[in-house]
Each structure stands twice: as C-alpha cells, then as structure tokens.
Amino acid sequence: MKDLENIPELMADIGARAKAAAAQLGFASAERKHAALISAAEYVWKDRASILEANEKDLAYGREKGLSDAMMDRLALDEDRLRGIIDGLRAVAEQADPVGEVIADWTQPSGLHIQRVRTPLGVVGVIYESRPNVTADAGALCLNAGNAVILRGGSESFHSSSALHACLVQGLRDANLPEDAIQLVPTRDRAAVSEMLTMTDTIDVIVPRGGKGLVGLVQREARVPVFAHLEGIVHIYIDADADPEKVLKVVLNAKTRRTGICGSAECLLIHRDVAQTLGRGVIRALIDAGVEVRTDDALRSIEGTVAATEEDWGREYLDMIIAARVVPDLDAAMAHIRTYGSNHTDCVLTENAEVARRFMTELDSAILMHNASTQFADGGEFGMGAEIGIATGKMHARGPVGAAQLTSFKYLVTGQGTVRA
C-alpha cells in the first residue's frame, strides 16, 4: 500500500490494481463469484462481534460530530441489521450471473450472425456517506456483474466499513479471485474523493450515494461518467377516490418505518374533496406517531400542525417531518411533483383506475407506485438481491441499480468467410 499521506499516489495505485483485477473478473465463472459472496456472508456472521465493536467507534464519532437522529440510524448496526447484510450477500449470490447474457440475437441478410451480449463495465467507483451496509451491497453487486469496485465510504462509517470490507476480501481469497476486486479507500481524507472523480484511466463510472451536497459535488467535478442519484424528494398523492384504510397504512409506513432512507415520504398532496375528512385523519395519525407535519393554510386548522414555508416544498427531511398541502385535482398534484420532485419515487393512493393510469403514465419519476409504501423503493425489494443506489437520471441506469445495470454490452459477429459487397 502506498503512503496514506500522498493521496494522488495512493489513489493511482488503487486504480491500477482495480483495473488489473477487472481484467480477470470479466471472465470469472459464476460459480467462483457465488462462492466468494457466500463465504463473505459467513465471515460477516462469524466476525459479528468485531464488526459491532467497530460500529461502536463510528457511533461515538457520529455523536461527537452531532449527527442527526436519522443519520445515526443510518450508521447504526446490530445483529438484526447484520443478518440483513448477510441476507443481501446471499441474495446477490443467488442472482443469475448477468455477464455473457445474450440480450439480442439475429441474422442479417448478408449471412452475418450477430449477438448483443452483456459485459462488465470494468471498474466502478462508489462514493457514499454514513450507511456501512453499502460496503457489502456495492461490493457484492459489482462482483456479481464482473466489475472491480473502489469503495470510498463516509468518514462516519470508516471503522464499520473497514470491518465489512475485510469479510468481502476474505471471500475473494477463499474463491481464488483477485483481492483487489473490492478495495476500500483506507483514509478519511476528502482529497481521495477528488482524485476518484478524475481517474478517467482506471475508473469507468462513479456512483454517488448520499445527500445533496455529495451528489452535487460529484456532478460538478467528475470527469468520469456518473450514475445520477438525486435526493429522494418523495411525494404521495391522496386522491378523492382513495381507500381510507390503505391510505392510513401506506402513509404511516412510508413516513415512519425508517425516516433516513431515500424512499421515505417527504410530502403529502391531498385532494381538496377529502382534505377535511380523510386528509385530516391521516395528518392526526402522523402527529400521534410523532411526526411534525408542516402544512399549507388549507390544513392549518388541524391541531398540532406547523405552518409550512416555501422551503418545505421540494425538501428531503430524512427525519420525522413531512410537508402537506391541498391540491384541487390530479393535474395540480402532478404539476407540484414536476416542480418540486427529484424524479426518484412518487406514489398515488386511489381506487380510480384512470387516475392511477394517468399518474403512472404522465409522470417521469424513476419509480412510480400505486397503493404501496414508498419504502419499497429498494433493489432488494425489487428482487435484485440488493442495490448500489437508485439512479434518477435517464442514461444507462435508472431506478434501483442492481447487477444487470452494472453491465454494458458488446456485439459478437460471426460469418462464414462473409465479405461485404
């Protein structure tokens, strides 16, 4: 390992070793990749005491920095969350190997037989903040797709990520795969991030996973292609024809299950015909659950609410806070979402099939939901085993980014001495 104080030299070395590892991973067998992930999962459980001890160091660091409750929740690990990480590793291991999959297959009149086949991207750089589970998820997904990965976790999760990374490396070692396939940047120095963003010779794509500040920095400074991952400004529109029981269950779950994830609901849009009936009941239930509800004037008569300001529309709280406003109809709800949303996840609650169809068709968020909690905006819940993030852009990857989205393709062309006229 190079001198940790010479960041450019350190990152150049990491990049060169990742590129060499990617060349080997590109044709590694599905069986060896599967074995590496299963072995890593076993080490996570075997080493759980040391991982939790490392996490305690990170939690102490987070308290010293004054992290919010939501950020501390993202950072915290316990045995149940370690079981979730293990389940994620195993789920990715059981996913079909995307490398070599034939996407399309045809024969031209010239006699050429052409196949479009999935191939790894090469080296993926993942820059993330406080969630240590991203270390395991991103490492597993990149490996399954035949990519080497350079992980740069947040300073808050430094010890936890290092402990989880050690388990991934042991899995690679057991499967006789290059240990440099999954590398963790071994410094908190932010200069490492700046270096990653310009490593065009060794990194093929950057995936930022974090708050607005991180994503903005990456999009401004990156010379390496970036999978766009904007804030989760998640809206739920409660239609006049919504089912009250479904509304209550979905809204409470979408806001309160885990407030610190990008699928947490941040704004309620309530049809005016049900604002003082169903809407009032939902807002009361949220307040009773400990949520601060910031409302427009039409809902301010509800006891316990707080007056919303213009800054509350289009805001990702990641906390027990939600904005709420009354809209006259579906068109107004969609107009609000287009103005203030982040093209991440939005939901409609209605029993009216035409309202649902229009909402799902006319909006362009990466994920659109009907009568389901936005907390399902997660690659694991989509059957991908895990996710490296939720991409909100439209180039290459969109929505939950699983192993298949971490591939490109190439064309395999076969002839029989075929020549062009």
Protein backbone atom coordinates (compact mmCIF):
# COMPACT_ATOMS: atom_id res chain seq x y z
CA MET A 1 0.00 0.00 0.00
CA LYS A 2 1.24 3.47 -0.86
CA ASP A 3 1.79 6.28 1.65
CA LEU A 4 -1.61 7.34 3.01
CA GLU A 5 -0.45 10.97 3.07
CA ASN A 6 0.29 11.02 -0.65
CA ILE A 7 -3.32 10.82 -1.84
CA PRO A 8 -2.69 11.06 -5.61
CA GLU A 9 -0.12 8.25 -5.43
CA LEU A 10 -2.41 6.18 -3.15
CA MET A 11 -5.40 6.51 -5.48
CA ALA A 12 -3.35 5.87 -8.61
CA ASP A 13 -2.13 2.63 -7.07
CA ILE A 14 -5.66 1.59 -6.06
CA GLY A 15 -6.94 2.39 -9.55
CA ALA A 16 -4.20 0.42 -11.30
CA ARG A 17 -4.80 -2.62 -9.12
CA ALA A 18 -8.58 -2.37 -9.64
CA LYS A 19 -8.13 -2.26 -13.41
CA ALA A 20 -5.90 -5.35 -13.32
CA ALA A 21 -8.45 -7.16 -11.15
CA ALA A 22 -11.29 -6.18 -13.50
CA ALA A 23 -9.48 -7.83 -16.40
CA GLN A 24 -9.58 -11.14 -14.51
CA LEU A 25 -13.13 -10.73 -13.20
CA GLY A 26 -14.52 -10.15 -16.68
CA PHE A 27 -14.37 -13.86 -17.40
CA ALA A 28 -14.55 -15.30 -13.87
CA SER A 29 -17.06 -18.12 -13.56
CA ALA A 30 -20.43 -17.65 -11.92
CA GLU A 31 -19.50 -20.45 -9.51
CA ARG A 32 -16.43 -18.63 -8.19
CA LYS A 33 -18.29 -15.34 -7.77
CA HIS A 34 -21.08 -17.20 -5.96
CA ALA A 35 -18.55 -18.90 -3.68
CA ALA A 36 -16.90 -15.56 -2.83
CA LEU A 37 -20.20 -13.99 -1.79
CA ILE A 38 -21.37 -16.97 0.25
CA SER A 39 -18.02 -17.08 2.02
CA ALA A 40 -18.19 -13.33 2.71
CA ALA A 41 -21.66 -13.76 4.22
CA GLU A 42 -20.35 -16.45 6.54
CA TYR A 43 -17.48 -14.21 7.67
CA VAL A 44 -19.86 -11.35 8.47
CA TRP A 45 -21.67 -13.57 10.97
CA LYS A 46 -18.51 -15.18 12.26
CA ASP A 47 -16.90 -11.75 12.83
CA ARG A 48 -20.08 -10.01 14.05
CA ALA A 49 -18.58 -9.14 17.44
CA SER A 50 -15.67 -7.25 15.88
CA ILE A 51 -17.95 -5.59 13.33
CA LEU A 52 -20.27 -4.34 16.07
CA GLU A 53 -17.27 -3.18 18.09
CA ALA A 54 -16.07 -1.20 15.06
CA ASN A 55 -19.56 0.23 14.66
CA GLU A 56 -19.50 1.47 18.25
CA LYS A 57 -16.42 3.50 17.37
CA ASP A 58 -18.28 5.03 14.45
CA LEU A 59 -21.34 5.80 16.58
CA ALA A 60 -19.13 7.58 19.11
CA TYR A 61 -17.57 9.57 16.27
CA GLY A 62 -21.03 10.42 14.97
CA ARG A 63 -22.19 11.64 18.36
CA GLU A 64 -19.10 13.83 18.62
CA LYS A 65 -19.91 15.33 15.22
CA GLY A 66 -23.52 15.95 16.27
CA LEU A 67 -25.12 13.80 13.58
CA SER A 68 -28.92 13.91 13.41
CA ASP A 69 -31.00 11.02 14.72
CA ALA A 70 -31.73 9.97 11.14
CA MET A 71 -28.03 9.91 10.25
CA MET A 72 -27.23 7.97 13.41
CA ASP A 73 -29.92 5.46 12.47
CA ARG A 74 -28.31 5.05 9.04
CA LEU A 75 -24.96 4.46 10.71
CA ALA A 76 -26.04 2.02 13.41
CA LEU A 77 -25.58 -1.75 13.14
CA ASP A 78 -26.94 -4.50 15.35
CA GLU A 79 -27.32 -8.24 14.92
CA ASP A 80 -30.61 -7.86 13.04
CA ARG A 81 -29.04 -5.45 10.58
CA LEU A 82 -26.04 -7.73 10.18
CA ARG A 83 -28.48 -10.53 9.34
CA GLY A 84 -29.93 -8.19 6.73
CA ILE A 85 -26.46 -7.64 5.26
CA ILE A 86 -25.87 -11.39 5.23
CA ASP A 87 -29.24 -11.98 3.56
CA GLY A 88 -28.32 -9.35 0.96
CA LEU A 89 -25.00 -11.02 0.19
CA ARG A 90 -26.68 -14.39 -0.15
CA ALA A 91 -29.48 -12.94 -2.30
CA VAL A 92 -26.99 -11.35 -4.70
CA ALA A 93 -25.06 -14.62 -4.81
CA GLU A 94 -28.21 -16.42 -5.96
CA GLN A 95 -28.96 -13.89 -8.71
CA ALA A 96 -28.30 -15.01 -12.27
CA ASP A 97 -24.85 -14.03 -13.50
CA PRO A 98 -25.54 -11.21 -15.98
CA VAL A 99 -22.14 -11.46 -17.70
CA GLY A 100 -22.44 -13.20 -21.05
CA GLU A 101 -26.23 -12.97 -21.16
CA VAL A 102 -27.44 -12.71 -24.76
CA ILE A 103 -29.64 -9.61 -24.89
CA ALA A 104 -30.48 -9.95 -28.59
CA ASP A 105 -29.67 -12.42 -31.35
CA TRP A 106 -30.29 -12.08 -35.08
CA THR A 107 -29.01 -12.95 -38.55
CA GLN A 108 -28.56 -10.35 -41.28
CA PRO A 109 -29.37 -10.90 -44.98
CA SER A 110 -25.60 -10.83 -45.53
CA GLY A 111 -25.35 -14.05 -43.54
CA LEU A 112 -23.73 -12.44 -40.50
CA HIS A 113 -24.95 -13.80 -37.19
CA ILE A 114 -24.94 -11.05 -34.54
CA GLN A 115 -25.38 -11.27 -30.79
CA ARG A 116 -25.57 -8.41 -28.28
CA VAL A 117 -24.06 -9.76 -25.06
CA ARG A 118 -23.74 -8.29 -21.56
CA THR A 119 -20.23 -7.44 -20.47
CA PRO A 120 -18.88 -5.80 -17.28
CA LEU A 121 -18.42 -2.04 -17.12
CA GLY A 122 -14.91 -2.55 -15.74
CA VAL A 123 -14.11 -0.54 -12.60
CA VAL A 124 -16.89 1.11 -10.60
CA GLY A 125 -16.18 3.84 -8.06
CA VAL A 126 -18.77 4.14 -5.29
CA ILE A 127 -18.74 7.22 -3.06
CA TYR A 128 -21.17 7.02 -0.15
CA GLU A 129 -21.84 8.51 3.24
CA SER A 130 -22.92 7.05 6.54
CA ARG A 131 -24.54 3.69 5.71
CA PRO A 132 -21.98 0.89 6.23
CA ASN A 133 -24.25 -1.70 4.59
CA VAL A 134 -23.48 -0.02 1.24
CA THR A 135 -19.98 -1.51 1.57
CA ALA A 136 -21.43 -5.02 1.36
CA ASP A 137 -24.21 -4.24 -1.14
CA ALA A 138 -21.99 -2.38 -3.59
CA GLY A 139 -19.14 -4.87 -3.29
CA ALA A 140 -21.47 -7.80 -3.91
CA LEU A 141 -23.32 -6.29 -6.86
CA CYS A 142 -20.16 -5.17 -8.61
CA LEU A 143 -18.58 -8.59 -8.14
CA ASN A 144 -21.67 -10.38 -9.46
CA ALA A 145 -21.54 -8.19 -12.58
CA GLY A 146 -17.82 -8.91 -13.08
CA ASN A 147 -16.69 -5.42 -12.09
CA ALA A 148 -13.89 -4.38 -9.78
CA VAL A 149 -15.02 -1.70 -7.32
CA ILE A 150 -13.33 1.09 -5.40
CA LEU A 151 -15.37 1.96 -2.31
CA ARG A 152 -15.00 5.31 -0.63
CA GLY A 153 -17.26 5.28 2.42
CA GLY A 154 -18.10 8.24 4.60
CA SER A 155 -15.84 9.30 7.45
CA GLU A 156 -18.64 8.43 9.89
CA SER A 157 -18.70 4.76 8.87
CA PHE A 158 -14.94 4.32 8.48
CA HIS A 159 -14.45 1.52 11.05
CA SER A 160 -17.69 -0.36 10.23
CA SER A 161 -16.97 -0.27 6.50
CA SER A 162 -13.42 -1.49 7.09
CA ALA A 163 -14.67 -4.46 9.13
CA LEU A 164 -17.25 -5.41 6.49
CA HIS A 165 -14.70 -4.95 3.71
CA ALA A 166 -12.38 -7.42 5.43
CA CYS A 167 -15.13 -10.06 5.17
CA LEU A 168 -15.56 -9.39 1.44
CA VAL A 169 -11.81 -9.70 0.86
CA GLN A 170 -11.71 -12.98 2.75
CA GLY A 171 -14.50 -14.26 0.50
CA LEU A 172 -12.50 -13.30 -2.60
CA ARG A 173 -9.44 -15.04 -1.17
CA ASP A 174 -11.39 -18.23 -0.46
CA ALA A 175 -12.78 -18.27 -4.02
CA ASN A 176 -9.35 -17.65 -5.55
CA LEU A 177 -10.44 -14.35 -7.05
CA PRO A 178 -8.22 -11.24 -7.02
CA GLU A 179 -8.40 -9.47 -3.67
CA ASP A 180 -8.09 -6.14 -5.45
CA ALA A 181 -11.53 -6.73 -6.97
CA ILE A 182 -13.10 -4.99 -3.94
CA GLN A 183 -10.98 -2.18 -2.49
CA LEU A 184 -11.87 0.27 0.25
CA VAL A 185 -10.11 3.64 0.25
CA PRO A 186 -8.15 3.46 3.53
CA THR A 187 -8.33 7.12 4.51
CA ARG A 188 -10.90 9.68 5.62
CA ASP A 189 -9.09 12.39 3.66
CA ARG A 190 -11.61 14.03 1.31
CA ALA A 191 -8.86 14.54 -1.25
CA ALA A 192 -9.41 10.87 -2.14
CA VAL A 193 -12.88 11.74 -3.45
CA SER A 194 -11.49 14.48 -5.68
CA GLU A 195 -8.93 12.05 -7.05
CA MET A 196 -11.57 9.42 -7.83
CA LEU A 197 -13.61 11.92 -9.81
CA THR A 198 -10.74 12.47 -12.26
CA MET A 199 -9.40 8.90 -12.60
CA THR A 200 -10.55 8.51 -16.19
CA ASP A 201 -7.79 5.99 -17.00
CA THR A 202 -8.87 3.48 -14.38
CA ILE A 203 -12.48 4.15 -13.28
CA ASP A 204 -15.30 3.60 -15.78
CA VAL A 205 -18.23 5.02 -13.80
CA ILE A 206 -18.85 6.78 -10.48
CA VAL A 207 -21.92 6.04 -8.34
CA PRO A 208 -22.55 8.69 -5.67
CA ARG A 209 -24.81 7.60 -2.84
CA GLY A 210 -25.58 10.26 -0.29
CA GLY A 211 -27.07 13.66 0.32
CA LYS A 212 -27.49 16.68 -1.90
CA GLY A 213 -24.05 18.05 -1.02
CA LEU A 214 -22.20 14.89 -2.03
CA VAL A 215 -24.16 14.35 -5.23
CA GLY A 216 -23.76 18.00 -6.22
CA LEU A 217 -20.01 17.82 -5.67
CA VAL A 218 -19.71 14.68 -7.79
CA GLN A 219 -21.81 16.07 -10.63
CA ARG A 220 -19.87 19.35 -10.67
CA GLU A 221 -16.36 17.93 -10.52
CA ALA A 222 -16.47 14.46 -12.07
CA ARG A 223 -14.65 13.80 -15.29
CA VAL A 224 -15.59 10.13 -15.00
CA PRO A 225 -19.17 9.27 -16.13
CA VAL A 226 -21.68 9.38 -13.25
CA PHE A 227 -24.87 7.48 -12.49
CA ALA A 228 -27.10 10.36 -11.37
CA HIS A 229 -28.57 9.81 -7.91
CA LEU A 230 -30.50 12.83 -6.68
CA GLU A 231 -32.36 13.37 -3.44
CA GLY A 232 -35.37 11.27 -2.53
CA ILE A 233 -37.99 14.03 -2.52
CA VAL A 234 -40.82 11.50 -2.37
CA HIS A 235 -44.46 12.54 -2.81
CA ILE A 236 -47.68 10.72 -2.01
CA TYR A 237 -50.87 11.96 -3.68
CA ILE A 238 -54.07 11.04 -1.81
CA ASP A 239 -56.83 11.07 -4.40
CA ALA A 240 -60.52 11.73 -3.81
CA ASP A 241 -61.18 8.05 -4.56
CA ALA A 242 -58.56 6.67 -2.17
CA ASP A 243 -59.39 3.85 0.22
CA PRO A 244 -59.08 5.22 3.81
CA GLU A 245 -57.67 2.02 5.28
CA LYS A 246 -55.00 1.72 2.59
CA VAL A 247 -54.14 5.40 2.93
CA LEU A 248 -53.57 5.20 6.66
CA LYS A 249 -51.39 2.07 6.41
CA VAL A 250 -49.34 3.25 3.46
CA VAL A 251 -48.71 6.83 4.59
CA LEU A 252 -47.67 5.85 8.13
CA ASN A 253 -45.33 3.17 6.83
CA ALA A 254 -43.91 5.38 4.07
CA LYS A 255 -43.02 8.12 6.56
CA THR A 256 -42.21 6.40 9.84
CA ARG A 257 -40.75 2.93 9.12
CA ARG A 258 -37.28 4.39 8.50
CA THR A 259 -37.09 8.13 8.01
CA GLY A 260 -33.42 8.15 6.98
CA ILE A 261 -33.74 6.25 3.70
CA CYS A 262 -34.28 7.79 0.29
CA GLY A 263 -37.69 6.11 -0.12
CA SER A 264 -39.16 7.83 2.93
CA ALA A 265 -42.17 10.02 2.09
CA GLU A 266 -41.44 13.76 2.39
CA CYS A 267 -44.62 15.44 1.07
CA LEU A 268 -48.34 14.65 1.08
CA LEU A 269 -50.61 16.06 -1.62
CA ILE A 270 -54.27 15.74 -0.61
CA HIS A 271 -57.25 16.16 -2.94
CA ARG A 272 -59.43 19.01 -1.69
CA ASP A 273 -62.58 16.83 -1.64
CA VAL A 274 -61.09 14.67 1.16
CA ALA A 275 -58.82 17.22 2.81
CA GLN A 276 -61.01 17.77 5.87
CA THR A 277 -62.05 14.14 6.23
CA LEU A 278 -59.52 11.53 5.17
CA GLY A 279 -56.71 14.09 4.99
CA ARG A 280 -57.38 15.35 8.49
CA GLY A 281 -57.41 11.80 9.84
CA VAL A 282 -54.09 10.91 8.22
CA ILE A 283 -52.43 14.07 9.50
CA ARG A 284 -53.70 13.40 13.02
CA ALA A 285 -52.33 9.85 12.82
CA LEU A 286 -48.93 11.16 11.71
CA ILE A 287 -48.83 13.67 14.56
CA ASP A 288 -49.82 10.95 17.04
CA ALA A 289 -46.93 8.87 15.69
CA GLY A 290 -44.50 11.68 16.49
CA VAL A 291 -44.24 13.25 13.02
CA GLU A 292 -44.05 17.03 12.65
CA VAL A 293 -46.49 17.97 9.87
CA ARG A 294 -45.82 21.24 8.04
CA THR A 295 -48.97 22.30 6.22
CA ASP A 296 -50.32 24.94 3.87
CA ASP A 297 -53.08 27.31 5.01
CA ALA A 298 -55.85 24.90 3.98
CA LEU A 299 -54.72 22.38 6.63
CA ARG A 300 -53.52 24.72 9.37
CA SER A 301 -56.75 24.34 11.33
CA ILE A 302 -55.65 20.82 12.29
CA GLU A 303 -54.33 20.98 15.83
CA GLY A 304 -50.63 20.27 16.18
CA THR A 305 -49.59 21.21 12.65
CA VAL A 306 -46.86 23.72 11.82
CA ALA A 307 -47.07 26.36 9.08
CA ALA A 308 -45.10 25.36 6.00
CA THR A 309 -42.84 27.81 4.20
CA GLU A 310 -41.81 27.82 0.54
CA GLU A 311 -38.63 25.95 1.55
CA ASP A 312 -40.71 22.98 2.71
CA TRP A 313 -41.80 22.14 -0.84
CA GLY A 314 -39.07 20.11 -2.51
CA ARG A 315 -37.22 19.30 0.70
CA GLU A 316 -35.76 15.96 1.76
CA TYR A 317 -36.06 15.87 5.55
CA LEU A 318 -34.78 12.34 6.29
CA ASP A 319 -36.42 12.89 9.67
CA MET A 320 -39.80 12.66 11.42
CA ILE A 321 -41.07 15.65 9.43
CA ILE A 322 -43.40 15.78 6.44
CA ALA A 323 -44.91 18.58 4.37
CA ALA A 324 -48.60 18.51 3.39
CA ARG A 325 -50.77 20.61 1.11
CA VAL A 326 -54.19 20.53 -0.53
CA VAL A 327 -54.46 20.29 -4.31
CA PRO A 328 -57.63 20.73 -6.41
CA ASP A 329 -57.11 17.69 -8.62
CA LEU A 330 -54.70 15.17 -10.13
CA ASP A 331 -53.30 17.67 -12.62
CA ALA A 332 -52.34 20.04 -9.81
CA ALA A 333 -50.72 17.18 -7.88
CA MET A 334 -48.64 16.18 -10.90
CA ALA A 335 -47.68 19.80 -11.55
CA HIS A 336 -46.44 20.09 -7.96
CA ILE A 337 -44.39 16.91 -8.33
CA ARG A 338 -42.86 18.11 -11.61
CA THR A 339 -41.92 21.40 -9.94
CA TYR A 340 -40.60 20.17 -6.61
CA GLY A 341 -39.82 16.48 -7.09
CA SER A 342 -36.47 14.83 -7.77
CA ASN A 343 -37.61 12.11 -10.23
CA HIS A 344 -36.90 9.48 -7.57
CA THR A 345 -40.11 7.86 -6.24
CA ASP A 346 -43.71 9.08 -6.19
CA CYS A 347 -46.94 7.35 -5.19
CA VAL A 348 -50.67 7.68 -5.86
CA LEU A 349 -53.30 6.33 -3.46
CA THR A 350 -56.56 5.79 -5.30
CA GLU A 351 -59.15 3.20 -6.30
CA ASN A 352 -59.78 5.08 -9.55
CA ALA A 353 -58.07 3.15 -12.35
CA GLU A 354 -57.95 6.16 -14.68
CA VAL A 355 -56.31 8.36 -12.04
CA ALA A 356 -53.73 5.64 -11.37
CA ARG A 357 -53.08 5.16 -15.09
CA ARG A 358 -52.53 8.87 -15.69
CA PHE A 359 -50.27 9.24 -12.65
CA MET A 360 -48.12 6.29 -13.70
CA THR A 361 -48.04 7.33 -17.37
CA GLU A 362 -47.68 11.09 -17.27
CA LEU A 363 -45.07 11.44 -14.53
CA ASP A 364 -41.46 10.57 -15.24
CA SER A 365 -40.02 9.55 -11.88
CA ALA A 366 -37.67 6.57 -11.82
CA ILE A 367 -40.18 4.71 -9.61
CA LEU A 368 -43.94 5.26 -9.62
CA MET A 369 -46.17 3.42 -7.16
CA HIS A 370 -49.89 2.81 -6.79
CA ASN A 371 -51.32 1.90 -3.38
CA ALA A 372 -47.94 0.78 -2.00
CA SER A 373 -45.50 2.24 0.51
CA THR A 374 -42.61 4.18 -0.96
CA GLN A 375 -40.34 2.36 1.49
CA PHE A 376 -40.36 -0.42 -1.13
CA ALA A 377 -38.09 1.77 -3.31
CA ASP A 378 -35.21 -0.65 -2.82
CA GLY A 379 -33.36 -3.06 -5.07
CA GLY A 380 -33.71 -5.90 -2.58
CA GLU A 381 -37.48 -5.45 -2.55
CA PHE A 382 -37.44 -5.39 -6.36
CA GLY A 383 -35.84 -8.86 -6.41
CA MET A 384 -32.34 -7.65 -7.28
CA GLY A 385 -30.78 -9.01 -4.09
CA ALA A 386 -29.52 -5.54 -3.18
CA GLU A 387 -28.89 -2.19 -4.84
CA ILE A 388 -25.92 0.07 -5.32
CA GLY A 389 -28.28 3.05 -5.30
CA ILE A 390 -31.33 4.45 -7.05
CA ALA A 391 -30.41 6.30 -10.23
CA THR A 392 -32.66 9.22 -11.12
CA GLY A 393 -31.05 10.04 -14.45
CA LYS A 394 -32.05 8.55 -17.80
CA MET A 395 -28.72 7.47 -19.25
CA HIS A 396 -27.85 3.77 -18.95
CA ALA A 397 -29.20 3.01 -15.46
CA ARG A 398 -32.43 4.15 -13.79
CA GLY A 399 -34.23 3.23 -10.59
CA PRO A 400 -32.69 0.60 -8.30
CA VAL A 401 -29.28 -0.24 -9.73
CA GLY A 402 -28.64 -3.97 -9.47
CA ALA A 403 -26.04 -6.18 -11.09
CA ALA A 404 -27.63 -6.14 -14.56
CA GLN A 405 -27.50 -2.32 -14.62
CA LEU A 406 -23.76 -2.51 -13.82
CA THR A 407 -23.05 -4.02 -17.22
CA SER A 408 -22.61 -2.72 -20.73
CA PHE A 409 -22.71 -4.89 -23.83
CA LYS A 410 -20.66 -5.87 -26.82
CA TYR A 411 -21.53 -7.32 -30.22
CA LEU A 412 -20.34 -10.78 -31.24
CA VAL A 413 -20.41 -11.09 -35.04
CA THR A 414 -19.89 -14.44 -36.79
CA GLY A 415 -19.57 -15.08 -40.51
CA GLN A 416 -18.62 -17.88 -42.88
CA GLY A 417 -15.91 -16.10 -44.82
CA THR A 418 -18.53 -13.40 -45.34
CA VAL A 419 -17.44 -10.31 -47.31
CA ARG A 420 -19.20 -7.01 -47.95
CA ALA A 421 -20.31 -6.24 -51.48
